[in-house]
Protein backbone atom coordinates (compact mmCIF):
# COMPACT_ATOMS: atom_id res chain seq x y z
CA MET A 1 -3.48 -4.96 4.70
CA ALA A 2 -4.06 -8.24 2.88
CA LYS A 3 -2.21 -11.52 2.49
CA ILE A 4 -1.53 -11.77 -1.24
CA VAL A 5 0.04 -14.79 -2.97
CA THR A 6 1.81 -14.78 -6.33
CA LEU A 7 3.20 -17.78 -8.23
CA GLY A 8 5.81 -17.77 -10.96
CA GLU A 9 9.45 -17.61 -11.95
CA ILE A 10 11.97 -15.04 -10.81
CA MET A 11 14.90 -14.73 -13.19
CA LEU A 12 18.12 -12.78 -13.40
CA ARG A 13 18.17 -10.12 -16.10
CA LEU A 14 21.59 -9.52 -17.66
CA SER A 15 21.78 -6.09 -19.28
CA PRO A 16 24.49 -3.94 -20.86
CA GLU A 17 25.06 -0.52 -19.31
CA GLY A 18 22.79 2.24 -20.57
CA ASN A 19 21.89 1.83 -24.22
CA ASP A 20 24.85 -0.35 -25.18
CA ARG A 21 24.12 -3.19 -27.57
CA PHE A 22 24.79 -6.82 -26.70
CA ILE A 23 27.59 -7.09 -29.23
CA GLN A 24 29.50 -4.07 -27.93
CA THR A 25 29.36 -4.65 -24.18
CA ASP A 26 32.01 -6.41 -22.13
CA HIS A 27 30.01 -6.70 -18.91
CA PHE A 28 26.39 -7.12 -17.77
CA ARG A 29 24.43 -5.85 -14.79
CA ILE A 30 22.50 -8.47 -12.81
CA ILE A 31 18.88 -7.39 -12.23
CA PRO A 32 16.48 -9.86 -10.55
CA GLY A 33 12.89 -9.86 -11.74
CA GLY A 34 9.99 -11.74 -13.24
CA GLY A 35 6.28 -11.16 -13.77
CA GLU A 36 4.70 -12.32 -10.52
CA ALA A 37 7.77 -11.49 -8.44
CA ASN A 38 7.51 -7.90 -9.68
CA VAL A 39 3.86 -7.81 -8.60
CA ALA A 40 4.79 -9.12 -5.15
CA VAL A 41 7.41 -6.38 -4.69
CA SER A 42 4.88 -3.69 -5.62
CA LEU A 43 2.36 -5.04 -3.13
CA ALA A 44 4.96 -5.29 -0.37
CA ASN A 45 5.86 -1.64 -1.01
CA TYR A 46 2.19 -0.73 -0.52
CA GLY A 47 2.22 -2.47 2.88
CA HIS A 48 0.65 -5.83 2.07
CA GLU A 49 1.76 -9.23 3.30
CA ALA A 50 3.05 -10.34 -0.10
CA TYR A 51 4.18 -13.93 -0.75
CA PHE A 52 6.03 -15.20 -3.79
CA VAL A 53 5.82 -18.93 -4.55
CA SER A 54 8.45 -20.53 -6.77
CA LYS A 55 11.39 -22.93 -6.77
CA LEU A 56 15.03 -21.91 -6.83
CA PRO A 57 18.34 -23.75 -6.54
CA THR A 58 20.09 -23.95 -3.18
CA HIS A 59 23.31 -22.49 -4.56
CA GLU A 60 24.43 -18.86 -4.38
CA ILE A 61 22.90 -17.82 -7.70
CA GLY A 62 19.51 -18.96 -6.45
CA GLN A 63 20.13 -17.03 -3.25
CA ILE A 64 20.65 -13.82 -5.24
CA ALA A 65 17.01 -14.05 -6.35
CA VAL A 66 15.73 -14.88 -2.86
CA ASN A 67 17.68 -12.02 -1.30
CA ALA A 68 16.34 -9.55 -3.86
CA LEU A 69 12.78 -10.34 -2.81
CA ARG A 70 13.57 -10.21 0.89
CA ARG A 71 15.23 -6.83 0.45
CA TYR A 72 11.88 -5.30 -0.48
CA GLY A 73 9.76 -7.11 2.09
CA VAL A 74 8.40 -10.06 0.10
CA ASP A 75 7.83 -13.22 2.16
CA THR A 76 9.85 -16.07 0.65
CA ARG A 77 8.94 -18.90 3.03
CA PHE A 78 6.99 -20.77 0.31
CA ILE A 79 9.88 -20.78 -2.19
CA ALA A 80 10.95 -24.40 -2.56
CA ARG A 81 14.69 -24.97 -2.88
CA GLY A 82 16.26 -27.40 -5.30
CA GLY A 83 16.88 -28.01 -8.97
CA ASP A 84 19.85 -26.92 -11.01
CA ARG A 85 19.41 -23.42 -12.37
CA VAL A 86 17.90 -19.97 -12.21
CA GLY A 87 16.33 -18.75 -15.43
CA LEU A 88 18.20 -15.96 -17.20
CA TYR A 89 17.24 -13.39 -19.77
CA TYR A 90 19.31 -10.84 -21.58
CA ALA A 91 17.75 -7.41 -22.15
CA GLU A 92 19.11 -4.72 -24.44
CA THR A 93 17.55 -1.29 -23.84
CA GLY A 94 16.44 0.41 -27.03
CA ALA A 95 16.25 4.11 -27.80
CA SER A 96 14.21 6.23 -30.19
CA MET A 97 13.31 4.05 -33.21
CA ARG A 98 15.54 1.12 -32.08
CA PRO A 99 13.40 -1.27 -30.01
CA SER A 100 14.51 -3.04 -26.86
CA LYS A 101 15.38 -6.71 -27.27
CA VAL A 102 15.05 -9.75 -25.00
CA ILE A 103 16.82 -13.11 -25.34
CA TYR A 104 15.70 -15.91 -22.99
CA ASP A 105 17.95 -18.53 -21.43
CA ARG A 106 15.49 -20.13 -19.04
CA ALA A 107 14.97 -23.73 -20.17
CA HIS A 108 15.12 -26.36 -17.41
CA SER A 109 15.01 -23.83 -14.59
CA SER A 110 14.05 -25.08 -11.13
CA ILE A 111 10.45 -23.88 -11.31
CA ALA A 112 10.03 -25.27 -14.85
CA GLU A 113 10.86 -28.73 -13.50
CA ALA A 114 9.16 -28.42 -10.10
CA ASP A 115 6.69 -31.09 -8.96
CA ALA A 116 3.37 -30.66 -7.19
CA SER A 117 4.94 -32.32 -4.14
CA ASP A 118 7.20 -29.25 -3.74
CA PHE A 119 4.23 -27.15 -2.59
CA ASP A 120 1.34 -27.39 -0.14
CA PHE A 121 -1.05 -25.03 -1.87
CA ASP A 122 -3.75 -25.37 0.77
CA ALA A 123 -1.31 -24.16 3.42
CA ILE A 124 -0.11 -21.42 1.10
CA MET A 125 -3.64 -20.12 0.40
CA GLU A 126 -4.79 -20.32 4.03
CA GLY A 127 -5.89 -16.83 5.11
CA ALA A 128 -5.09 -15.22 1.75
CA GLN A 129 -7.32 -12.55 0.21
CA TRP A 130 -5.84 -12.57 -3.28
CA PHE A 131 -3.91 -14.88 -5.63
CA HIS A 132 -2.19 -13.55 -8.75
CA TRP A 133 -0.54 -15.40 -11.63
CA SER A 134 0.32 -14.66 -15.22
CA GLY A 135 0.30 -16.47 -18.54
CA ILE A 136 4.08 -16.64 -18.42
CA THR A 137 4.00 -19.31 -15.71
CA PRO A 138 2.05 -22.05 -17.56
CA ALA A 139 4.06 -21.19 -20.67
CA ILE A 140 7.32 -22.18 -18.97
CA SER A 141 6.59 -25.91 -19.03
CA ASN A 142 3.80 -28.48 -18.77
CA LYS A 143 4.77 -29.00 -15.12
CA ALA A 144 4.46 -25.30 -14.41
CA ALA A 145 1.05 -25.27 -16.10
CA GLU A 146 -0.06 -28.05 -13.78
CA LEU A 147 1.23 -26.13 -10.74
CA THR A 148 -0.79 -23.12 -11.89
CA ARG A 149 -3.95 -25.20 -12.09
CA LEU A 150 -3.40 -26.71 -8.65
CA ALA A 151 -2.76 -23.28 -7.13
CA CYS A 152 -5.95 -21.91 -8.70
CA GLU A 153 -7.97 -24.83 -7.36
CA ALA A 154 -6.59 -24.29 -3.86
CA ALA A 155 -7.33 -20.57 -4.08
CA LYS A 156 -10.96 -21.30 -4.96
CA ARG A 157 -11.26 -23.80 -2.09
CA HIS A 158 -10.15 -21.06 0.30
CA GLY A 159 -12.37 -18.34 -1.16
CA VAL A 160 -9.45 -16.34 -2.53
CA THR A 161 -9.92 -13.77 -5.29
CA VAL A 162 -7.89 -14.82 -8.36
CA SER A 163 -6.40 -12.47 -10.94
CA VAL A 164 -4.46 -13.24 -14.10
CA ASP A 165 -2.29 -11.11 -16.34
CA LEU A 166 -2.56 -12.94 -19.66
CA ASN A 167 0.98 -11.91 -20.66
CA PHE A 168 1.46 -13.80 -23.93
CA ARG A 169 5.13 -14.48 -24.77
CA LYS A 170 5.69 -15.71 -28.33
CA LYS A 171 9.20 -16.88 -27.47
CA LEU A 172 7.74 -19.33 -24.93
CA TRP A 173 4.78 -20.85 -26.78
CA THR A 174 2.46 -20.58 -29.77
CA SER A 175 -0.97 -19.00 -29.71
CA GLU A 176 -2.56 -22.41 -30.32
CA LYS A 177 -0.82 -23.90 -27.26
CA ALA A 178 -1.60 -20.83 -25.17
CA ILE A 179 -5.31 -20.99 -26.00
CA SER A 180 -5.48 -24.71 -25.21
CA VAL A 181 -3.92 -24.16 -21.78
CA MET A 182 -5.23 -20.74 -20.80
CA ARG A 183 -8.90 -21.01 -21.67
CA PRO A 184 -9.58 -23.89 -19.23
CA LEU A 185 -7.84 -21.92 -16.47
CA MET A 186 -10.15 -18.94 -16.92
CA LYS A 187 -12.92 -20.63 -14.90
CA TYR A 188 -10.89 -19.88 -11.76
CA VAL A 189 -10.31 -16.21 -12.59
CA ASP A 190 -12.18 -13.25 -11.10
CA VAL A 191 -10.09 -10.41 -12.55
CA CYS A 192 -8.64 -10.75 -16.05
CA ILE A 193 -5.88 -8.31 -17.06
CA GLY A 194 -4.36 -8.10 -20.52
CA ASN A 195 -3.73 -5.94 -23.53
CA GLU A 196 -5.19 -6.33 -27.01
CA GLU A 197 -2.54 -8.82 -28.15
CA ASP A 198 -2.89 -10.98 -25.04
CA ALA A 199 -6.65 -11.30 -25.44
CA GLN A 200 -6.28 -12.44 -29.03
CA LEU A 201 -3.33 -14.82 -28.66
CA CYS A 202 -4.23 -16.34 -25.27
CA LEU A 203 -8.02 -16.46 -25.47
CA GLY A 204 -8.92 -15.96 -29.13
CA PHE A 205 -10.60 -12.54 -28.82
CA LYS A 206 -9.63 -9.60 -31.01
CA PRO A 207 -10.60 -6.00 -30.21
CA ASP A 208 -11.41 -3.47 -32.89
CA ALA A 209 -8.28 -1.36 -32.43
CA ASP A 210 -5.30 -0.54 -34.63
CA VAL A 211 -2.57 -0.71 -32.01
CA GLU A 212 0.33 -0.83 -34.44
CA GLY A 213 -1.00 2.34 -35.99
CA GLY A 214 -1.16 4.02 -32.60
CA LYS A 215 -4.96 3.99 -32.47
CA THR A 216 -6.17 2.63 -29.15
CA ASP A 217 -9.63 4.10 -28.86
CA ALA A 218 -11.09 2.47 -25.77
CA SER A 219 -14.48 2.08 -27.47
CA GLY A 220 -12.94 -0.65 -29.63
CA TYR A 221 -12.55 -2.77 -26.52
CA HIS A 222 -16.12 -2.59 -25.23
CA LYS A 223 -17.49 -5.44 -27.31
CA ILE A 224 -14.62 -7.81 -26.59
CA PHE A 225 -14.82 -7.09 -22.84
CA GLU A 226 -18.52 -7.96 -22.90
CA GLN A 227 -17.82 -11.17 -24.82
CA MET A 228 -15.02 -12.23 -22.47
CA MET A 229 -17.13 -11.62 -19.39
CA LYS A 230 -20.08 -13.52 -20.85
CA GLU A 231 -17.94 -16.53 -21.79
CA PHE A 232 -15.77 -16.81 -18.70
CA GLY A 233 -17.79 -15.13 -15.94
CA PHE A 234 -15.10 -12.67 -14.89
CA LYS A 235 -16.00 -10.05 -12.29
CA TYR A 236 -13.70 -7.52 -13.94
CA VAL A 237 -11.96 -7.29 -17.31
CA VAL A 238 -9.07 -4.85 -17.52
CA SER A 239 -6.75 -3.79 -20.31
CA THR A 240 -3.78 -1.49 -20.57
CA LEU A 241 -3.67 0.58 -23.75
CA ARG A 242 -0.14 1.44 -24.81
CA GLU A 243 0.71 3.78 -27.69
CA SER A 244 4.28 3.08 -28.76
CA PHE A 245 5.65 6.14 -30.53
CA SER A 246 9.24 5.02 -29.96
CA ALA A 247 11.28 2.91 -27.55
CA THR A 248 11.52 5.91 -25.24
CA HIS A 249 8.13 7.57 -25.77
CA ASN A 250 4.82 5.85 -25.01
CA GLY A 251 1.25 6.87 -24.34
CA TRP A 252 -0.33 4.95 -21.46
CA LYS A 253 -3.86 4.49 -20.16
CA ALA A 254 -6.21 1.65 -19.22
CA LEU A 255 -9.82 0.49 -19.34
CA ILE A 256 -11.88 -1.54 -16.85
CA TYR A 257 -15.31 -3.16 -17.09
CA ASP A 258 -17.34 -4.62 -14.23
CA GLY A 259 -20.21 -6.07 -16.27
CA LYS A 260 -22.21 -2.84 -16.09
CA ASN A 261 -19.95 0.14 -16.58
CA PHE A 262 -16.79 0.89 -18.52
CA TYR A 263 -14.24 3.28 -17.08
CA GLU A 264 -11.31 4.75 -18.99
CA SER A 265 -8.38 6.17 -17.04
CA LYS A 266 -6.56 9.41 -17.63
CA HIS A 267 -3.80 9.32 -20.25
CA TYR A 268 -0.10 9.61 -19.44
CA ASP A 269 2.53 10.73 -21.93
CA ILE A 270 5.72 8.97 -20.79
CA ASN A 271 8.80 10.56 -22.30
CA PRO A 272 11.56 9.63 -21.80
CA ILE A 273 11.11 6.02 -20.69
CA ILE A 274 13.94 4.85 -18.46
CA ASP A 275 12.96 1.17 -18.30
CA ARG A 276 9.65 -0.29 -19.46
CA VAL A 277 10.40 -3.86 -18.30
CA GLY A 278 7.93 -4.64 -15.54
CA GLY A 279 5.52 -1.91 -16.60
CA GLY A 280 2.61 -4.32 -16.95
CA ASP A 281 3.46 -6.02 -13.67
CA SER A 282 3.48 -2.68 -11.88
CA PHE A 283 0.01 -2.08 -13.32
CA SER A 284 -1.21 -5.44 -11.96
CA GLY A 285 0.25 -4.72 -8.54
CA GLY A 286 -1.33 -1.29 -8.49
CA LEU A 287 -4.69 -2.67 -9.60
CA ILE A 288 -4.74 -5.34 -6.89
CA HIS A 289 -3.89 -2.76 -4.24
CA GLY A 290 -6.45 -0.34 -5.63
CA MET A 291 -9.23 -2.93 -5.73
CA LEU A 292 -8.54 -3.92 -2.13
CA LYS A 293 -8.24 -0.31 -0.92
CA TYR A 294 -11.14 1.15 -2.91
CA GLU A 295 -13.48 -1.82 -2.80
CA GLY A 296 -16.38 -1.26 -5.16
CA ASP A 297 -14.81 1.79 -6.82
CA GLN A 298 -13.25 0.53 -10.03
CA ALA A 299 -12.43 4.05 -11.21
CA GLN A 300 -10.16 4.83 -8.25
CA ALA A 301 -8.57 1.40 -8.45
CA LEU A 302 -7.77 1.87 -12.14
CA GLU A 303 -6.38 5.38 -11.69
CA PHE A 304 -4.05 4.09 -8.97
CA ALA A 305 -2.86 1.25 -11.22
CA VAL A 306 -2.19 3.48 -14.22
CA ALA A 307 -0.32 6.06 -12.14
CA ALA A 308 1.75 3.33 -10.49
CA SER A 309 2.74 1.84 -13.83
CA ALA A 310 3.52 5.24 -15.33
CA LEU A 311 5.98 5.81 -12.49
CA LYS A 312 7.56 2.40 -13.07
CA HIS A 313 8.64 3.50 -16.54
CA THR A 314 10.97 6.02 -14.83
CA ILE A 315 12.76 3.43 -12.66
CA PRO A 316 15.62 1.14 -13.77
CA GLY A 317 15.11 -2.58 -13.11
CA ASP A 318 12.10 -4.86 -13.01
CA PHE A 319 10.72 -3.77 -9.64
CA ASN A 320 8.42 -0.77 -9.13
CA LEU A 321 10.07 0.87 -6.13
CA VAL A 322 7.44 3.47 -5.30
CA SER A 323 5.29 4.10 -2.25
CA GLU A 324 1.54 4.46 -2.11
CA ALA A 325 1.97 8.17 -1.33
CA GLU A 326 4.03 8.73 -4.50
CA VAL A 327 1.41 6.99 -6.62
CA LEU A 328 -1.41 8.97 -5.08
CA SER A 329 0.49 12.19 -5.69
CA LEU A 330 0.80 11.46 -9.40
CA ALA A 331 -2.78 10.21 -9.66
CA GLY A 332 -3.85 13.46 -8.05
CA GLY A 333 -2.19 15.48 -10.80
CA ASN A 334 1.28 16.22 -9.40
CA ALA A 335 3.34 15.35 -12.47
CA ASN A 336 5.77 18.27 -12.69
CA GLY A 337 8.75 16.31 -11.33
CA ARG A 338 9.94 19.19 -9.13
CA VAL A 339 12.46 18.41 -6.42
CA GLN A 340 10.76 17.58 -3.13
CA ARG A 341 12.56 19.35 -0.27
């Protein structure tokens, strides 16, 4: 199994019970999670030596986040301690035609104000096979964007494969700012992951697909994948293709391109969705594991990733708490949900 490094912010999600609305609840559940932290948990569950790099306060609220990662086997030794606060976000779970809603309260978090001196990225990348980050991290702050660049540079010095999940968040920055920051970082990236909106808003590419209308024909992505690979030199370009019929019913598949061949995964009809937060992160974690396990076989890697993320939609919380065996079972066609005795 590989040493895999992720960099980003872990937050505390505050959610009403079930499908309660913010304005009717009188208490919130605390659910730790965040893009790259979710990926690290997935990879630890698959048996990898997964590291999460961030900065958290020394007080007890910061310790909640650290303990959540340790509980699932993520190595936290490279989490710097200090600063004043843990980022929060409030999440209201939608149902049927009512969409889920997220409200951020993450300004001035410890990682947003962290300095380069808080991390020794050469030591962190020593012996690593893979480094993963997402577009959320440089969107947090200018300091976090600089940390992302320094981590990417260190990864390249140590011969580490680098993947990015573009993950555009309109509540964190504009498309213009995202493009100005993200495009220069693409020179470090080997595997680029993103959906149709991410590619347009982070990099300026737009696929020929009517996603809002539920039309996600994979052929509409072929041209944009070719253009992205030609411009940035990626080894792989990957996209999830989500059909959103309602808050609790989605279609789910993905597409991968290695510069020669396109491969489209099988399609999953996910109904009902229990919790879609972290669905994209579970895909990234599954893809990294699949590409390491099935080296040179992008089809198997993609099928593992799509099955892993389909399962995540059935699990409350940010983390994808499934084993490799469970993912392989679903990827192999066992989707009847019968009790296992």
